[in-house]
PDBML (XML) file of the C-alpha atoms, coordinates in Angstrom:
<?xml version="1.0" encoding="UTF-8" ?>
<PDBx:datablock datablockName="MODEL"
   xmlns:PDBx="http://pdbml.pdb.org/schema/pdbx-v50.xsd"
   xmlns:xsi="http://www.w3.org/2001/XMLSchema-instance"
   xsi:schemaLocation="http://pdbml.pdb.org/schema/pdbx-v50.xsd pdbx-v50.xsd">
   <PDBx:atom_siteCategory>
      <PDBx:atom_site id="1">
         <PDBx:B_iso_or_equiv>0.00</PDBx:B_iso_or_equiv>
         <PDBx:Cartn_x>31.780</PDBx:Cartn_x>
         <PDBx:Cartn_y>-100.844</PDBx:Cartn_y>
         <PDBx:Cartn_z>17.736</PDBx:Cartn_z>
         <PDBx:auth_asym_id>A</PDBx:auth_asym_id>
         <PDBx:auth_atom_id>CA</PDBx:auth_atom_id>
         <PDBx:auth_comp_id>TYR</PDBx:auth_comp_id>
         <PDBx:auth_seq_id>1</PDBx:auth_seq_id>
         <PDBx:group_PDB>ATOM</PDBx:group_PDB>
         <PDBx:label_alt_id xsi:nil="true" />
         <PDBx:label_asym_id>A</PDBx:label_asym_id>
         <PDBx:label_atom_id>CA</PDBx:label_atom_id>
         <PDBx:label_comp_id>TYR</PDBx:label_comp_id>
         <PDBx:label_entity_id>1</PDBx:label_entity_id>
         <PDBx:label_seq_id>1</PDBx:label_seq_id>
         <PDBx:occupancy>1.00</PDBx:occupancy>
         <PDBx:pdbx_PDB_model_num>1</PDBx:pdbx_PDB_model_num>
         <PDBx:type_symbol>C</PDBx:type_symbol>
      </PDBx:atom_site>
      <PDBx:atom_site id="2">
         <PDBx:B_iso_or_equiv>0.00</PDBx:B_iso_or_equiv>
         <PDBx:Cartn_x>31.003</PDBx:Cartn_x>
         <PDBx:Cartn_y>-98.146</PDBx:Cartn_y>
         <PDBx:Cartn_z>15.154</PDBx:Cartn_z>
         <PDBx:auth_asym_id>A</PDBx:auth_asym_id>
         <PDBx:auth_atom_id>CA</PDBx:auth_atom_id>
         <PDBx:auth_comp_id>VAL</PDBx:auth_comp_id>
         <PDBx:auth_seq_id>2</PDBx:auth_seq_id>
         <PDBx:group_PDB>ATOM</PDBx:group_PDB>
         <PDBx:label_alt_id xsi:nil="true" />
         <PDBx:label_asym_id>A</PDBx:label_asym_id>
         <PDBx:label_atom_id>CA</PDBx:label_atom_id>
         <PDBx:label_comp_id>VAL</PDBx:label_comp_id>
         <PDBx:label_entity_id>1</PDBx:label_entity_id>
         <PDBx:label_seq_id>2</PDBx:label_seq_id>
         <PDBx:occupancy>1.00</PDBx:occupancy>
         <PDBx:pdbx_PDB_model_num>1</PDBx:pdbx_PDB_model_num>
         <PDBx:type_symbol>C</PDBx:type_symbol>
      </PDBx:atom_site>
      <PDBx:atom_site id="3">
         <PDBx:B_iso_or_equiv>0.00</PDBx:B_iso_or_equiv>
         <PDBx:Cartn_x>27.723</PDBx:Cartn_x>
         <PDBx:Cartn_y>-97.311</PDBx:Cartn_y>
         <PDBx:Cartn_z>16.893</PDBx:Cartn_z>
         <PDBx:auth_asym_id>A</PDBx:auth_asym_id>
         <PDBx:auth_atom_id>CA</PDBx:auth_atom_id>
         <PDBx:auth_comp_id>LEU</PDBx:auth_comp_id>
         <PDBx:auth_seq_id>3</PDBx:auth_seq_id>
         <PDBx:group_PDB>ATOM</PDBx:group_PDB>
         <PDBx:label_alt_id xsi:nil="true" />
         <PDBx:label_asym_id>A</PDBx:label_asym_id>
         <PDBx:label_atom_id>CA</PDBx:label_atom_id>
         <PDBx:label_comp_id>LEU</PDBx:label_comp_id>
         <PDBx:label_entity_id>1</PDBx:label_entity_id>
         <PDBx:label_seq_id>3</PDBx:label_seq_id>
         <PDBx:occupancy>1.00</PDBx:occupancy>
         <PDBx:pdbx_PDB_model_num>1</PDBx:pdbx_PDB_model_num>
         <PDBx:type_symbol>C</PDBx:type_symbol>
      </PDBx:atom_site>
      <PDBx:atom_site id="4">
         <PDBx:B_iso_or_equiv>0.00</PDBx:B_iso_or_equiv>
         <PDBx:Cartn_x>29.444</PDBx:Cartn_x>
         <PDBx:Cartn_y>-96.953</PDBx:Cartn_y>
         <PDBx:Cartn_z>20.257</PDBx:Cartn_z>
         <PDBx:auth_asym_id>A</PDBx:auth_asym_id>
         <PDBx:auth_atom_id>CA</PDBx:auth_atom_id>
         <PDBx:auth_comp_id>ALA</PDBx:auth_comp_id>
         <PDBx:auth_seq_id>4</PDBx:auth_seq_id>
         <PDBx:group_PDB>ATOM</PDBx:group_PDB>
         <PDBx:label_alt_id xsi:nil="true" />
         <PDBx:label_asym_id>A</PDBx:label_asym_id>
         <PDBx:label_atom_id>CA</PDBx:label_atom_id>
         <PDBx:label_comp_id>ALA</PDBx:label_comp_id>
         <PDBx:label_entity_id>1</PDBx:label_entity_id>
         <PDBx:label_seq_id>4</PDBx:label_seq_id>
         <PDBx:occupancy>1.00</PDBx:occupancy>
         <PDBx:pdbx_PDB_model_num>1</PDBx:pdbx_PDB_model_num>
         <PDBx:type_symbol>C</PDBx:type_symbol>
      </PDBx:atom_site>
      <PDBx:atom_site id="5">
         <PDBx:B_iso_or_equiv>0.00</PDBx:B_iso_or_equiv>
         <PDBx:Cartn_x>32.269</PDBx:Cartn_x>
         <PDBx:Cartn_y>-94.902</PDBx:Cartn_y>
         <PDBx:Cartn_z>18.742</PDBx:Cartn_z>
         <PDBx:auth_asym_id>A</PDBx:auth_asym_id>
         <PDBx:auth_atom_id>CA</PDBx:auth_atom_id>
         <PDBx:auth_comp_id>PHE</PDBx:auth_comp_id>
         <PDBx:auth_seq_id>5</PDBx:auth_seq_id>
         <PDBx:group_PDB>ATOM</PDBx:group_PDB>
         <PDBx:label_alt_id xsi:nil="true" />
         <PDBx:label_asym_id>A</PDBx:label_asym_id>
         <PDBx:label_atom_id>CA</PDBx:label_atom_id>
         <PDBx:label_comp_id>PHE</PDBx:label_comp_id>
         <PDBx:label_entity_id>1</PDBx:label_entity_id>
         <PDBx:label_seq_id>5</PDBx:label_seq_id>
         <PDBx:occupancy>1.00</PDBx:occupancy>
         <PDBx:pdbx_PDB_model_num>1</PDBx:pdbx_PDB_model_num>
         <PDBx:type_symbol>C</PDBx:type_symbol>
      </PDBx:atom_site>
      <PDBx:atom_site id="6">
         <PDBx:B_iso_or_equiv>0.00</PDBx:B_iso_or_equiv>
         <PDBx:Cartn_x>29.852</PDBx:Cartn_x>
         <PDBx:Cartn_y>-92.528</PDBx:Cartn_y>
         <PDBx:Cartn_z>16.989</PDBx:Cartn_z>
         <PDBx:auth_asym_id>A</PDBx:auth_asym_id>
         <PDBx:auth_atom_id>CA</PDBx:auth_atom_id>
         <PDBx:auth_comp_id>VAL</PDBx:auth_comp_id>
         <PDBx:auth_seq_id>6</PDBx:auth_seq_id>
         <PDBx:group_PDB>ATOM</PDBx:group_PDB>
         <PDBx:label_alt_id xsi:nil="true" />
         <PDBx:label_asym_id>A</PDBx:label_asym_id>
         <PDBx:label_atom_id>CA</PDBx:label_atom_id>
         <PDBx:label_comp_id>VAL</PDBx:label_comp_id>
         <PDBx:label_entity_id>1</PDBx:label_entity_id>
         <PDBx:label_seq_id>6</PDBx:label_seq_id>
         <PDBx:occupancy>1.00</PDBx:occupancy>
         <PDBx:pdbx_PDB_model_num>1</PDBx:pdbx_PDB_model_num>
         <PDBx:type_symbol>C</PDBx:type_symbol>
      </PDBx:atom_site>
      <PDBx:atom_site id="7">
         <PDBx:B_iso_or_equiv>0.00</PDBx:B_iso_or_equiv>
         <PDBx:Cartn_x>27.734</PDBx:Cartn_x>
         <PDBx:Cartn_y>-92.180</PDBx:Cartn_y>
         <PDBx:Cartn_z>20.123</PDBx:Cartn_z>
         <PDBx:auth_asym_id>A</PDBx:auth_asym_id>
         <PDBx:auth_atom_id>CA</PDBx:auth_atom_id>
         <PDBx:auth_comp_id>ARG</PDBx:auth_comp_id>
         <PDBx:auth_seq_id>7</PDBx:auth_seq_id>
         <PDBx:group_PDB>ATOM</PDBx:group_PDB>
         <PDBx:label_alt_id xsi:nil="true" />
         <PDBx:label_asym_id>A</PDBx:label_asym_id>
         <PDBx:label_atom_id>CA</PDBx:label_atom_id>
         <PDBx:label_comp_id>ARG</PDBx:label_comp_id>
         <PDBx:label_entity_id>1</PDBx:label_entity_id>
         <PDBx:label_seq_id>7</PDBx:label_seq_id>
         <PDBx:occupancy>1.00</PDBx:occupancy>
         <PDBx:pdbx_PDB_model_num>1</PDBx:pdbx_PDB_model_num>
         <PDBx:type_symbol>C</PDBx:type_symbol>
      </PDBx:atom_site>
      <PDBx:atom_site id="8">
         <PDBx:B_iso_or_equiv>0.00</PDBx:B_iso_or_equiv>
         <PDBx:Cartn_x>30.819</PDBx:Cartn_x>
         <PDBx:Cartn_y>-91.182</PDBx:Cartn_y>
         <PDBx:Cartn_z>22.090</PDBx:Cartn_z>
         <PDBx:auth_asym_id>A</PDBx:auth_asym_id>
         <PDBx:auth_atom_id>CA</PDBx:auth_atom_id>
         <PDBx:auth_comp_id>ARG</PDBx:auth_comp_id>
         <PDBx:auth_seq_id>8</PDBx:auth_seq_id>
         <PDBx:group_PDB>ATOM</PDBx:group_PDB>
         <PDBx:label_alt_id xsi:nil="true" />
         <PDBx:label_asym_id>A</PDBx:label_asym_id>
         <PDBx:label_atom_id>CA</PDBx:label_atom_id>
         <PDBx:label_comp_id>ARG</PDBx:label_comp_id>
         <PDBx:label_entity_id>1</PDBx:label_entity_id>
         <PDBx:label_seq_id>8</PDBx:label_seq_id>
         <PDBx:occupancy>1.00</PDBx:occupancy>
         <PDBx:pdbx_PDB_model_num>1</PDBx:pdbx_PDB_model_num>
         <PDBx:type_symbol>C</PDBx:type_symbol>
      </PDBx:atom_site>
      <PDBx:atom_site id="9">
         <PDBx:B_iso_or_equiv>0.00</PDBx:B_iso_or_equiv>
         <PDBx:Cartn_x>32.371</PDBx:Cartn_x>
         <PDBx:Cartn_y>-88.746</PDBx:Cartn_y>
         <PDBx:Cartn_z>19.600</PDBx:Cartn_z>
         <PDBx:auth_asym_id>A</PDBx:auth_asym_id>
         <PDBx:auth_atom_id>CA</PDBx:auth_atom_id>
         <PDBx:auth_comp_id>LEU</PDBx:auth_comp_id>
         <PDBx:auth_seq_id>9</PDBx:auth_seq_id>
         <PDBx:group_PDB>ATOM</PDBx:group_PDB>
         <PDBx:label_alt_id xsi:nil="true" />
         <PDBx:label_asym_id>A</PDBx:label_asym_id>
         <PDBx:label_atom_id>CA</PDBx:label_atom_id>
         <PDBx:label_comp_id>LEU</PDBx:label_comp_id>
         <PDBx:label_entity_id>1</PDBx:label_entity_id>
         <PDBx:label_seq_id>9</PDBx:label_seq_id>
         <PDBx:occupancy>1.00</PDBx:occupancy>
         <PDBx:pdbx_PDB_model_num>1</PDBx:pdbx_PDB_model_num>
         <PDBx:type_symbol>C</PDBx:type_symbol>
      </PDBx:atom_site>
      <PDBx:atom_site id="10">
         <PDBx:B_iso_or_equiv>0.00</PDBx:B_iso_or_equiv>
         <PDBx:Cartn_x>29.320</PDBx:Cartn_x>
         <PDBx:Cartn_y>-87.457</PDBx:Cartn_y>
         <PDBx:Cartn_z>17.739</PDBx:Cartn_z>
         <PDBx:auth_asym_id>A</PDBx:auth_asym_id>
         <PDBx:auth_atom_id>CA</PDBx:auth_atom_id>
         <PDBx:auth_comp_id>TYR</PDBx:auth_comp_id>
         <PDBx:auth_seq_id>10</PDBx:auth_seq_id>
         <PDBx:group_PDB>ATOM</PDBx:group_PDB>
         <PDBx:label_alt_id xsi:nil="true" />
         <PDBx:label_asym_id>A</PDBx:label_asym_id>
         <PDBx:label_atom_id>CA</PDBx:label_atom_id>
         <PDBx:label_comp_id>TYR</PDBx:label_comp_id>
         <PDBx:label_entity_id>1</PDBx:label_entity_id>
         <PDBx:label_seq_id>10</PDBx:label_seq_id>
         <PDBx:occupancy>1.00</PDBx:occupancy>
         <PDBx:pdbx_PDB_model_num>1</PDBx:pdbx_PDB_model_num>
         <PDBx:type_symbol>C</PDBx:type_symbol>
      </PDBx:atom_site>
      <PDBx:atom_site id="11">
         <PDBx:B_iso_or_equiv>0.00</PDBx:B_iso_or_equiv>
         <PDBx:Cartn_x>26.347</PDBx:Cartn_x>
         <PDBx:Cartn_y>-87.982</PDBx:Cartn_y>
         <PDBx:Cartn_z>20.045</PDBx:Cartn_z>
         <PDBx:auth_asym_id>A</PDBx:auth_asym_id>
         <PDBx:auth_atom_id>CA</PDBx:auth_atom_id>
         <PDBx:auth_comp_id>GLY</PDBx:auth_comp_id>
         <PDBx:auth_seq_id>11</PDBx:auth_seq_id>
         <PDBx:group_PDB>ATOM</PDBx:group_PDB>
         <PDBx:label_alt_id xsi:nil="true" />
         <PDBx:label_asym_id>A</PDBx:label_asym_id>
         <PDBx:label_atom_id>CA</PDBx:label_atom_id>
         <PDBx:label_comp_id>GLY</PDBx:label_comp_id>
         <PDBx:label_entity_id>1</PDBx:label_entity_id>
         <PDBx:label_seq_id>11</PDBx:label_seq_id>
         <PDBx:occupancy>1.00</PDBx:occupancy>
         <PDBx:pdbx_PDB_model_num>1</PDBx:pdbx_PDB_model_num>
         <PDBx:type_symbol>C</PDBx:type_symbol>
      </PDBx:atom_site>
      <PDBx:atom_site id="12">
         <PDBx:B_iso_or_equiv>0.00</PDBx:B_iso_or_equiv>
         <PDBx:Cartn_x>25.749</PDBx:Cartn_x>
         <PDBx:Cartn_y>-84.226</PDBx:Cartn_y>
         <PDBx:Cartn_z>20.086</PDBx:Cartn_z>
         <PDBx:auth_asym_id>A</PDBx:auth_asym_id>
         <PDBx:auth_atom_id>CA</PDBx:auth_atom_id>
         <PDBx:auth_comp_id>ASN</PDBx:auth_comp_id>
         <PDBx:auth_seq_id>12</PDBx:auth_seq_id>
         <PDBx:group_PDB>ATOM</PDBx:group_PDB>
         <PDBx:label_alt_id xsi:nil="true" />
         <PDBx:label_asym_id>A</PDBx:label_asym_id>
         <PDBx:label_atom_id>CA</PDBx:label_atom_id>
         <PDBx:label_comp_id>ASN</PDBx:label_comp_id>
         <PDBx:label_entity_id>1</PDBx:label_entity_id>
         <PDBx:label_seq_id>12</PDBx:label_seq_id>
         <PDBx:occupancy>1.00</PDBx:occupancy>
         <PDBx:pdbx_PDB_model_num>1</PDBx:pdbx_PDB_model_num>
         <PDBx:type_symbol>C</PDBx:type_symbol>
      </PDBx:atom_site>
      <PDBx:atom_site id="13">
         <PDBx:B_iso_or_equiv>0.00</PDBx:B_iso_or_equiv>
         <PDBx:Cartn_x>25.540</PDBx:Cartn_x>
         <PDBx:Cartn_y>-84.156</PDBx:Cartn_y>
         <PDBx:Cartn_z>16.254</PDBx:Cartn_z>
         <PDBx:auth_asym_id>A</PDBx:auth_asym_id>
         <PDBx:auth_atom_id>CA</PDBx:auth_atom_id>
         <PDBx:auth_comp_id>LEU</PDBx:auth_comp_id>
         <PDBx:auth_seq_id>13</PDBx:auth_seq_id>
         <PDBx:group_PDB>ATOM</PDBx:group_PDB>
         <PDBx:label_alt_id xsi:nil="true" />
         <PDBx:label_asym_id>A</PDBx:label_asym_id>
         <PDBx:label_atom_id>CA</PDBx:label_atom_id>
         <PDBx:label_comp_id>LEU</PDBx:label_comp_id>
         <PDBx:label_entity_id>1</PDBx:label_entity_id>
         <PDBx:label_seq_id>13</PDBx:label_seq_id>
         <PDBx:occupancy>1.00</PDBx:occupancy>
         <PDBx:pdbx_PDB_model_num>1</PDBx:pdbx_PDB_model_num>
         <PDBx:type_symbol>C</PDBx:type_symbol>
      </PDBx:atom_site>
      <PDBx:atom_site id="14">
         <PDBx:B_iso_or_equiv>0.00</PDBx:B_iso_or_equiv>
         <PDBx:Cartn_x>23.091</PDBx:Cartn_x>
         <PDBx:Cartn_y>-87.029</PDBx:Cartn_y>
         <PDBx:Cartn_z>15.759</PDBx:Cartn_z>
         <PDBx:auth_asym_id>A</PDBx:auth_asym_id>
         <PDBx:auth_atom_id>CA</PDBx:auth_atom_id>
         <PDBx:auth_comp_id>LEU</PDBx:auth_comp_id>
         <PDBx:auth_seq_id>14</PDBx:auth_seq_id>
         <PDBx:group_PDB>ATOM</PDBx:group_PDB>
         <PDBx:label_alt_id xsi:nil="true" />
         <PDBx:label_asym_id>A</PDBx:label_asym_id>
         <PDBx:label_atom_id>CA</PDBx:label_atom_id>
         <PDBx:label_comp_id>LEU</PDBx:label_comp_id>
         <PDBx:label_entity_id>1</PDBx:label_entity_id>
         <PDBx:label_seq_id>14</PDBx:label_seq_id>
         <PDBx:occupancy>1.00</PDBx:occupancy>
         <PDBx:pdbx_PDB_model_num>1</PDBx:pdbx_PDB_model_num>
         <PDBx:type_symbol>C</PDBx:type_symbol>
      </PDBx:atom_site>
      <PDBx:atom_site id="15">
         <PDBx:B_iso_or_equiv>0.00</PDBx:B_iso_or_equiv>
         <PDBx:Cartn_x>19.528</PDBx:Cartn_x>
         <PDBx:Cartn_y>-86.019</PDBx:Cartn_y>
         <PDBx:Cartn_z>14.898</PDBx:Cartn_z>
         <PDBx:auth_asym_id>A</PDBx:auth_asym_id>
         <PDBx:auth_atom_id>CA</PDBx:auth_atom_id>
         <PDBx:auth_comp_id>ASN</PDBx:auth_comp_id>
         <PDBx:auth_seq_id>15</PDBx:auth_seq_id>
         <PDBx:group_PDB>ATOM</PDBx:group_PDB>
         <PDBx:label_alt_id xsi:nil="true" />
         <PDBx:label_asym_id>A</PDBx:label_asym_id>
         <PDBx:label_atom_id>CA</PDBx:label_atom_id>
         <PDBx:label_comp_id>ASN</PDBx:label_comp_id>
         <PDBx:label_entity_id>1</PDBx:label_entity_id>
         <PDBx:label_seq_id>15</PDBx:label_seq_id>
         <PDBx:occupancy>1.00</PDBx:occupancy>
         <PDBx:pdbx_PDB_model_num>1</PDBx:pdbx_PDB_model_num>
         <PDBx:type_symbol>C</PDBx:type_symbol>
      </PDBx:atom_site>
      <PDBx:atom_site id="16">
         <PDBx:B_iso_or_equiv>0.00</PDBx:B_iso_or_equiv>
         <PDBx:Cartn_x>16.345</PDBx:Cartn_x>
         <PDBx:Cartn_y>-87.533</PDBx:Cartn_y>
         <PDBx:Cartn_z>16.265</PDBx:Cartn_z>
         <PDBx:auth_asym_id>A</PDBx:auth_asym_id>
         <PDBx:auth_atom_id>CA</PDBx:auth_atom_id>
         <PDBx:auth_comp_id>GLU</PDBx:auth_comp_id>
         <PDBx:auth_seq_id>16</PDBx:auth_seq_id>
         <PDBx:group_PDB>ATOM</PDBx:group_PDB>
         <PDBx:label_alt_id xsi:nil="true" />
         <PDBx:label_asym_id>A</PDBx:label_asym_id>
         <PDBx:label_atom_id>CA</PDBx:label_atom_id>
         <PDBx:label_comp_id>GLU</PDBx:label_comp_id>
         <PDBx:label_entity_id>1</PDBx:label_entity_id>
         <PDBx:label_seq_id>16</PDBx:label_seq_id>
         <PDBx:occupancy>1.00</PDBx:occupancy>
         <PDBx:pdbx_PDB_model_num>1</PDBx:pdbx_PDB_model_num>
         <PDBx:type_symbol>C</PDBx:type_symbol>
      </PDBx:atom_site>
      <PDBx:atom_site id="17">
         <PDBx:B_iso_or_equiv>0.00</PDBx:B_iso_or_equiv>
         <PDBx:Cartn_x>15.978</PDBx:Cartn_x>
         <PDBx:Cartn_y>-90.074</PDBx:Cartn_y>
         <PDBx:Cartn_z>13.435</PDBx:Cartn_z>
         <PDBx:auth_asym_id>A</PDBx:auth_asym_id>
         <PDBx:auth_atom_id>CA</PDBx:auth_atom_id>
         <PDBx:auth_comp_id>ALA</PDBx:auth_comp_id>
         <PDBx:auth_seq_id>17</PDBx:auth_seq_id>
         <PDBx:group_PDB>ATOM</PDBx:group_PDB>
         <PDBx:label_alt_id xsi:nil="true" />
         <PDBx:label_asym_id>A</PDBx:label_asym_id>
         <PDBx:label_atom_id>CA</PDBx:label_atom_id>
         <PDBx:label_comp_id>ALA</PDBx:label_comp_id>
         <PDBx:label_entity_id>1</PDBx:label_entity_id>
         <PDBx:label_seq_id>17</PDBx:label_seq_id>
         <PDBx:occupancy>1.00</PDBx:occupancy>
         <PDBx:pdbx_PDB_model_num>1</PDBx:pdbx_PDB_model_num>
         <PDBx:type_symbol>C</PDBx:type_symbol>
      </PDBx:atom_site>
      <PDBx:atom_site id="18">
         <PDBx:B_iso_or_equiv>0.00</PDBx:B_iso_or_equiv>
         <PDBx:Cartn_x>19.535</PDBx:Cartn_x>
         <PDBx:Cartn_y>-91.324</PDBx:Cartn_y>
         <PDBx:Cartn_z>13.897</PDBx:Cartn_z>
         <PDBx:auth_asym_id>A</PDBx:auth_asym_id>
         <PDBx:auth_atom_id>CA</PDBx:auth_atom_id>
         <PDBx:auth_comp_id>GLU</PDBx:auth_comp_id>
         <PDBx:auth_seq_id>18</PDBx:auth_seq_id>
         <PDBx:group_PDB>ATOM</PDBx:group_PDB>
         <PDBx:label_alt_id xsi:nil="true" />
         <PDBx:label_asym_id>A</PDBx:label_asym_id>
         <PDBx:label_atom_id>CA</PDBx:label_atom_id>
         <PDBx:label_comp_id>GLU</PDBx:label_comp_id>
         <PDBx:label_entity_id>1</PDBx:label_entity_id>
         <PDBx:label_seq_id>18</PDBx:label_seq_id>
         <PDBx:occupancy>1.00</PDBx:occupancy>
         <PDBx:pdbx_PDB_model_num>1</PDBx:pdbx_PDB_model_num>
         <PDBx:type_symbol>C</PDBx:type_symbol>
      </PDBx:atom_site>
      <PDBx:atom_site id="19">
         <PDBx:B_iso_or_equiv>0.00</PDBx:B_iso_or_equiv>
         <PDBx:Cartn_x>19.121</PDBx:Cartn_x>
         <PDBx:Cartn_y>-91.715</PDBx:Cartn_y>
         <PDBx:Cartn_z>17.651</PDBx:Cartn_z>
         <PDBx:auth_asym_id>A</PDBx:auth_asym_id>
         <PDBx:auth_atom_id>CA</PDBx:auth_atom_id>
         <PDBx:auth_comp_id>TRP</PDBx:auth_comp_id>
         <PDBx:auth_seq_id>19</PDBx:auth_seq_id>
         <PDBx:group_PDB>ATOM</PDBx:group_PDB>
         <PDBx:label_alt_id xsi:nil="true" />
         <PDBx:label_asym_id>A</PDBx:label_asym_id>
         <PDBx:label_atom_id>CA</PDBx:label_atom_id>
         <PDBx:label_comp_id>TRP</PDBx:label_comp_id>
         <PDBx:label_entity_id>1</PDBx:label_entity_id>
         <PDBx:label_seq_id>19</PDBx:label_seq_id>
         <PDBx:occupancy>1.00</PDBx:occupancy>
         <PDBx:pdbx_PDB_model_num>1</PDBx:pdbx_PDB_model_num>
         <PDBx:type_symbol>C</PDBx:type_symbol>
      </PDBx:atom_site>
      <PDBx:atom_site id="20">
         <PDBx:B_iso_or_equiv>0.00</PDBx:B_iso_or_equiv>
         <PDBx:Cartn_x>15.809</PDBx:Cartn_x>
         <PDBx:Cartn_y>-93.501</PDBx:Cartn_y>
         <PDBx:Cartn_z>17.006</PDBx:Cartn_z>
         <PDBx:auth_asym_id>A</PDBx:auth_asym_id>
         <PDBx:auth_atom_id>CA</PDBx:auth_atom_id>
         <PDBx:auth_comp_id>ASP</PDBx:auth_comp_id>
         <PDBx:auth_seq_id>20</PDBx:auth_seq_id>
         <PDBx:group_PDB>ATOM</PDBx:group_PDB>
         <PDBx:label_alt_id xsi:nil="true" />
         <PDBx:label_asym_id>A</PDBx:label_asym_id>
         <PDBx:label_atom_id>CA</PDBx:label_atom_id>
         <PDBx:label_comp_id>ASP</PDBx:label_comp_id>
         <PDBx:label_entity_id>1</PDBx:label_entity_id>
         <PDBx:label_seq_id>20</PDBx:label_seq_id>
         <PDBx:occupancy>1.00</PDBx:occupancy>
         <PDBx:pdbx_PDB_model_num>1</PDBx:pdbx_PDB_model_num>
         <PDBx:type_symbol>C</PDBx:type_symbol>
      </PDBx:atom_site>
      <PDBx:atom_site id="21">
         <PDBx:B_iso_or_equiv>0.00</PDBx:B_iso_or_equiv>
         <PDBx:Cartn_x>17.566</PDBx:Cartn_x>
         <PDBx:Cartn_y>-95.950</PDBx:Cartn_y>
         <PDBx:Cartn_z>14.678</PDBx:Cartn_z>
         <PDBx:auth_asym_id>A</PDBx:auth_asym_id>
         <PDBx:auth_atom_id>CA</PDBx:auth_atom_id>
         <PDBx:auth_comp_id>PHE</PDBx:auth_comp_id>
         <PDBx:auth_seq_id>21</PDBx:auth_seq_id>
         <PDBx:group_PDB>ATOM</PDBx:group_PDB>
         <PDBx:label_alt_id xsi:nil="true" />
         <PDBx:label_asym_id>A</PDBx:label_asym_id>
         <PDBx:label_atom_id>CA</PDBx:label_atom_id>
         <PDBx:label_comp_id>PHE</PDBx:label_comp_id>
         <PDBx:label_entity_id>1</PDBx:label_entity_id>
         <PDBx:label_seq_id>21</PDBx:label_seq_id>
         <PDBx:occupancy>1.00</PDBx:occupancy>
         <PDBx:pdbx_PDB_model_num>1</PDBx:pdbx_PDB_model_num>
         <PDBx:type_symbol>C</PDBx:type_symbol>
      </PDBx:atom_site>
      <PDBx:atom_site id="22">
         <PDBx:B_iso_or_equiv>0.00</PDBx:B_iso_or_equiv>
         <PDBx:Cartn_x>20.311</PDBx:Cartn_x>
         <PDBx:Cartn_y>-96.690</PDBx:Cartn_y>
         <PDBx:Cartn_z>17.224</PDBx:Cartn_z>
         <PDBx:auth_asym_id>A</PDBx:auth_asym_id>
         <PDBx:auth_atom_id>CA</PDBx:auth_atom_id>
         <PDBx:auth_comp_id>ILE</PDBx:auth_comp_id>
         <PDBx:auth_seq_id>22</PDBx:auth_seq_id>
         <PDBx:group_PDB>ATOM</PDBx:group_PDB>
         <PDBx:label_alt_id xsi:nil="true" />
         <PDBx:label_asym_id>A</PDBx:label_asym_id>
         <PDBx:label_atom_id>CA</PDBx:label_atom_id>
         <PDBx:label_comp_id>ILE</PDBx:label_comp_id>
         <PDBx:label_entity_id>1</PDBx:label_entity_id>
         <PDBx:label_seq_id>22</PDBx:label_seq_id>
         <PDBx:occupancy>1.00</PDBx:occupancy>
         <PDBx:pdbx_PDB_model_num>1</PDBx:pdbx_PDB_model_num>
         <PDBx:type_symbol>C</PDBx:type_symbol>
      </PDBx:atom_site>
      <PDBx:atom_site id="23">
         <PDBx:B_iso_or_equiv>0.00</PDBx:B_iso_or_equiv>
         <PDBx:Cartn_x>17.836</PDBx:Cartn_x>
         <PDBx:Cartn_y>-97.207</PDBx:Cartn_y>
         <PDBx:Cartn_z>20.087</PDBx:Cartn_z>
         <PDBx:auth_asym_id>A</PDBx:auth_asym_id>
         <PDBx:auth_atom_id>CA</PDBx:auth_atom_id>
         <PDBx:auth_comp_id>ASN</PDBx:auth_comp_id>
         <PDBx:auth_seq_id>23</PDBx:auth_seq_id>
         <PDBx:group_PDB>ATOM</PDBx:group_PDB>
         <PDBx:label_alt_id xsi:nil="true" />
         <PDBx:label_asym_id>A</PDBx:label_asym_id>
         <PDBx:label_atom_id>CA</PDBx:label_atom_id>
         <PDBx:label_comp_id>ASN</PDBx:label_comp_id>
         <PDBx:label_entity_id>1</PDBx:label_entity_id>
         <PDBx:label_seq_id>23</PDBx:label_seq_id>
         <PDBx:occupancy>1.00</PDBx:occupancy>
         <PDBx:pdbx_PDB_model_num>1</PDBx:pdbx_PDB_model_num>
         <PDBx:type_symbol>C</PDBx:type_symbol>
      </PDBx:atom_site>
      <PDBx:atom_site id="24">
         <PDBx:B_iso_or_equiv>0.00</PDBx:B_iso_or_equiv>
         <PDBx:Cartn_x>15.539</PDBx:Cartn_x>
         <PDBx:Cartn_y>-99.441</PDBx:Cartn_y>
         <PDBx:Cartn_z>18.042</PDBx:Cartn_z>
         <PDBx:auth_asym_id>A</PDBx:auth_asym_id>
         <PDBx:auth_atom_id>CA</PDBx:auth_atom_id>
         <PDBx:auth_comp_id>ARG</PDBx:auth_comp_id>
         <PDBx:auth_seq_id>24</PDBx:auth_seq_id>
         <PDBx:group_PDB>ATOM</PDBx:group_PDB>
         <PDBx:label_alt_id xsi:nil="true" />
         <PDBx:label_asym_id>A</PDBx:label_asym_id>
         <PDBx:label_atom_id>CA</PDBx:label_atom_id>
         <PDBx:label_comp_id>ARG</PDBx:label_comp_id>
         <PDBx:label_entity_id>1</PDBx:label_entity_id>
         <PDBx:label_seq_id>24</PDBx:label_seq_id>
         <PDBx:occupancy>1.00</PDBx:occupancy>
         <PDBx:pdbx_PDB_model_num>1</PDBx:pdbx_PDB_model_num>
         <PDBx:type_symbol>C</PDBx:type_symbol>
      </PDBx:atom_site>
   </PDBx:atom_siteCategory>
</PDBx:datablock>
């Protein structure tokens, strides 16, 4: 739930490493 919430509200602020973590 936290991952989905952060993706929705802060997806534009996440850096490459954070997106890589979520995807993996």
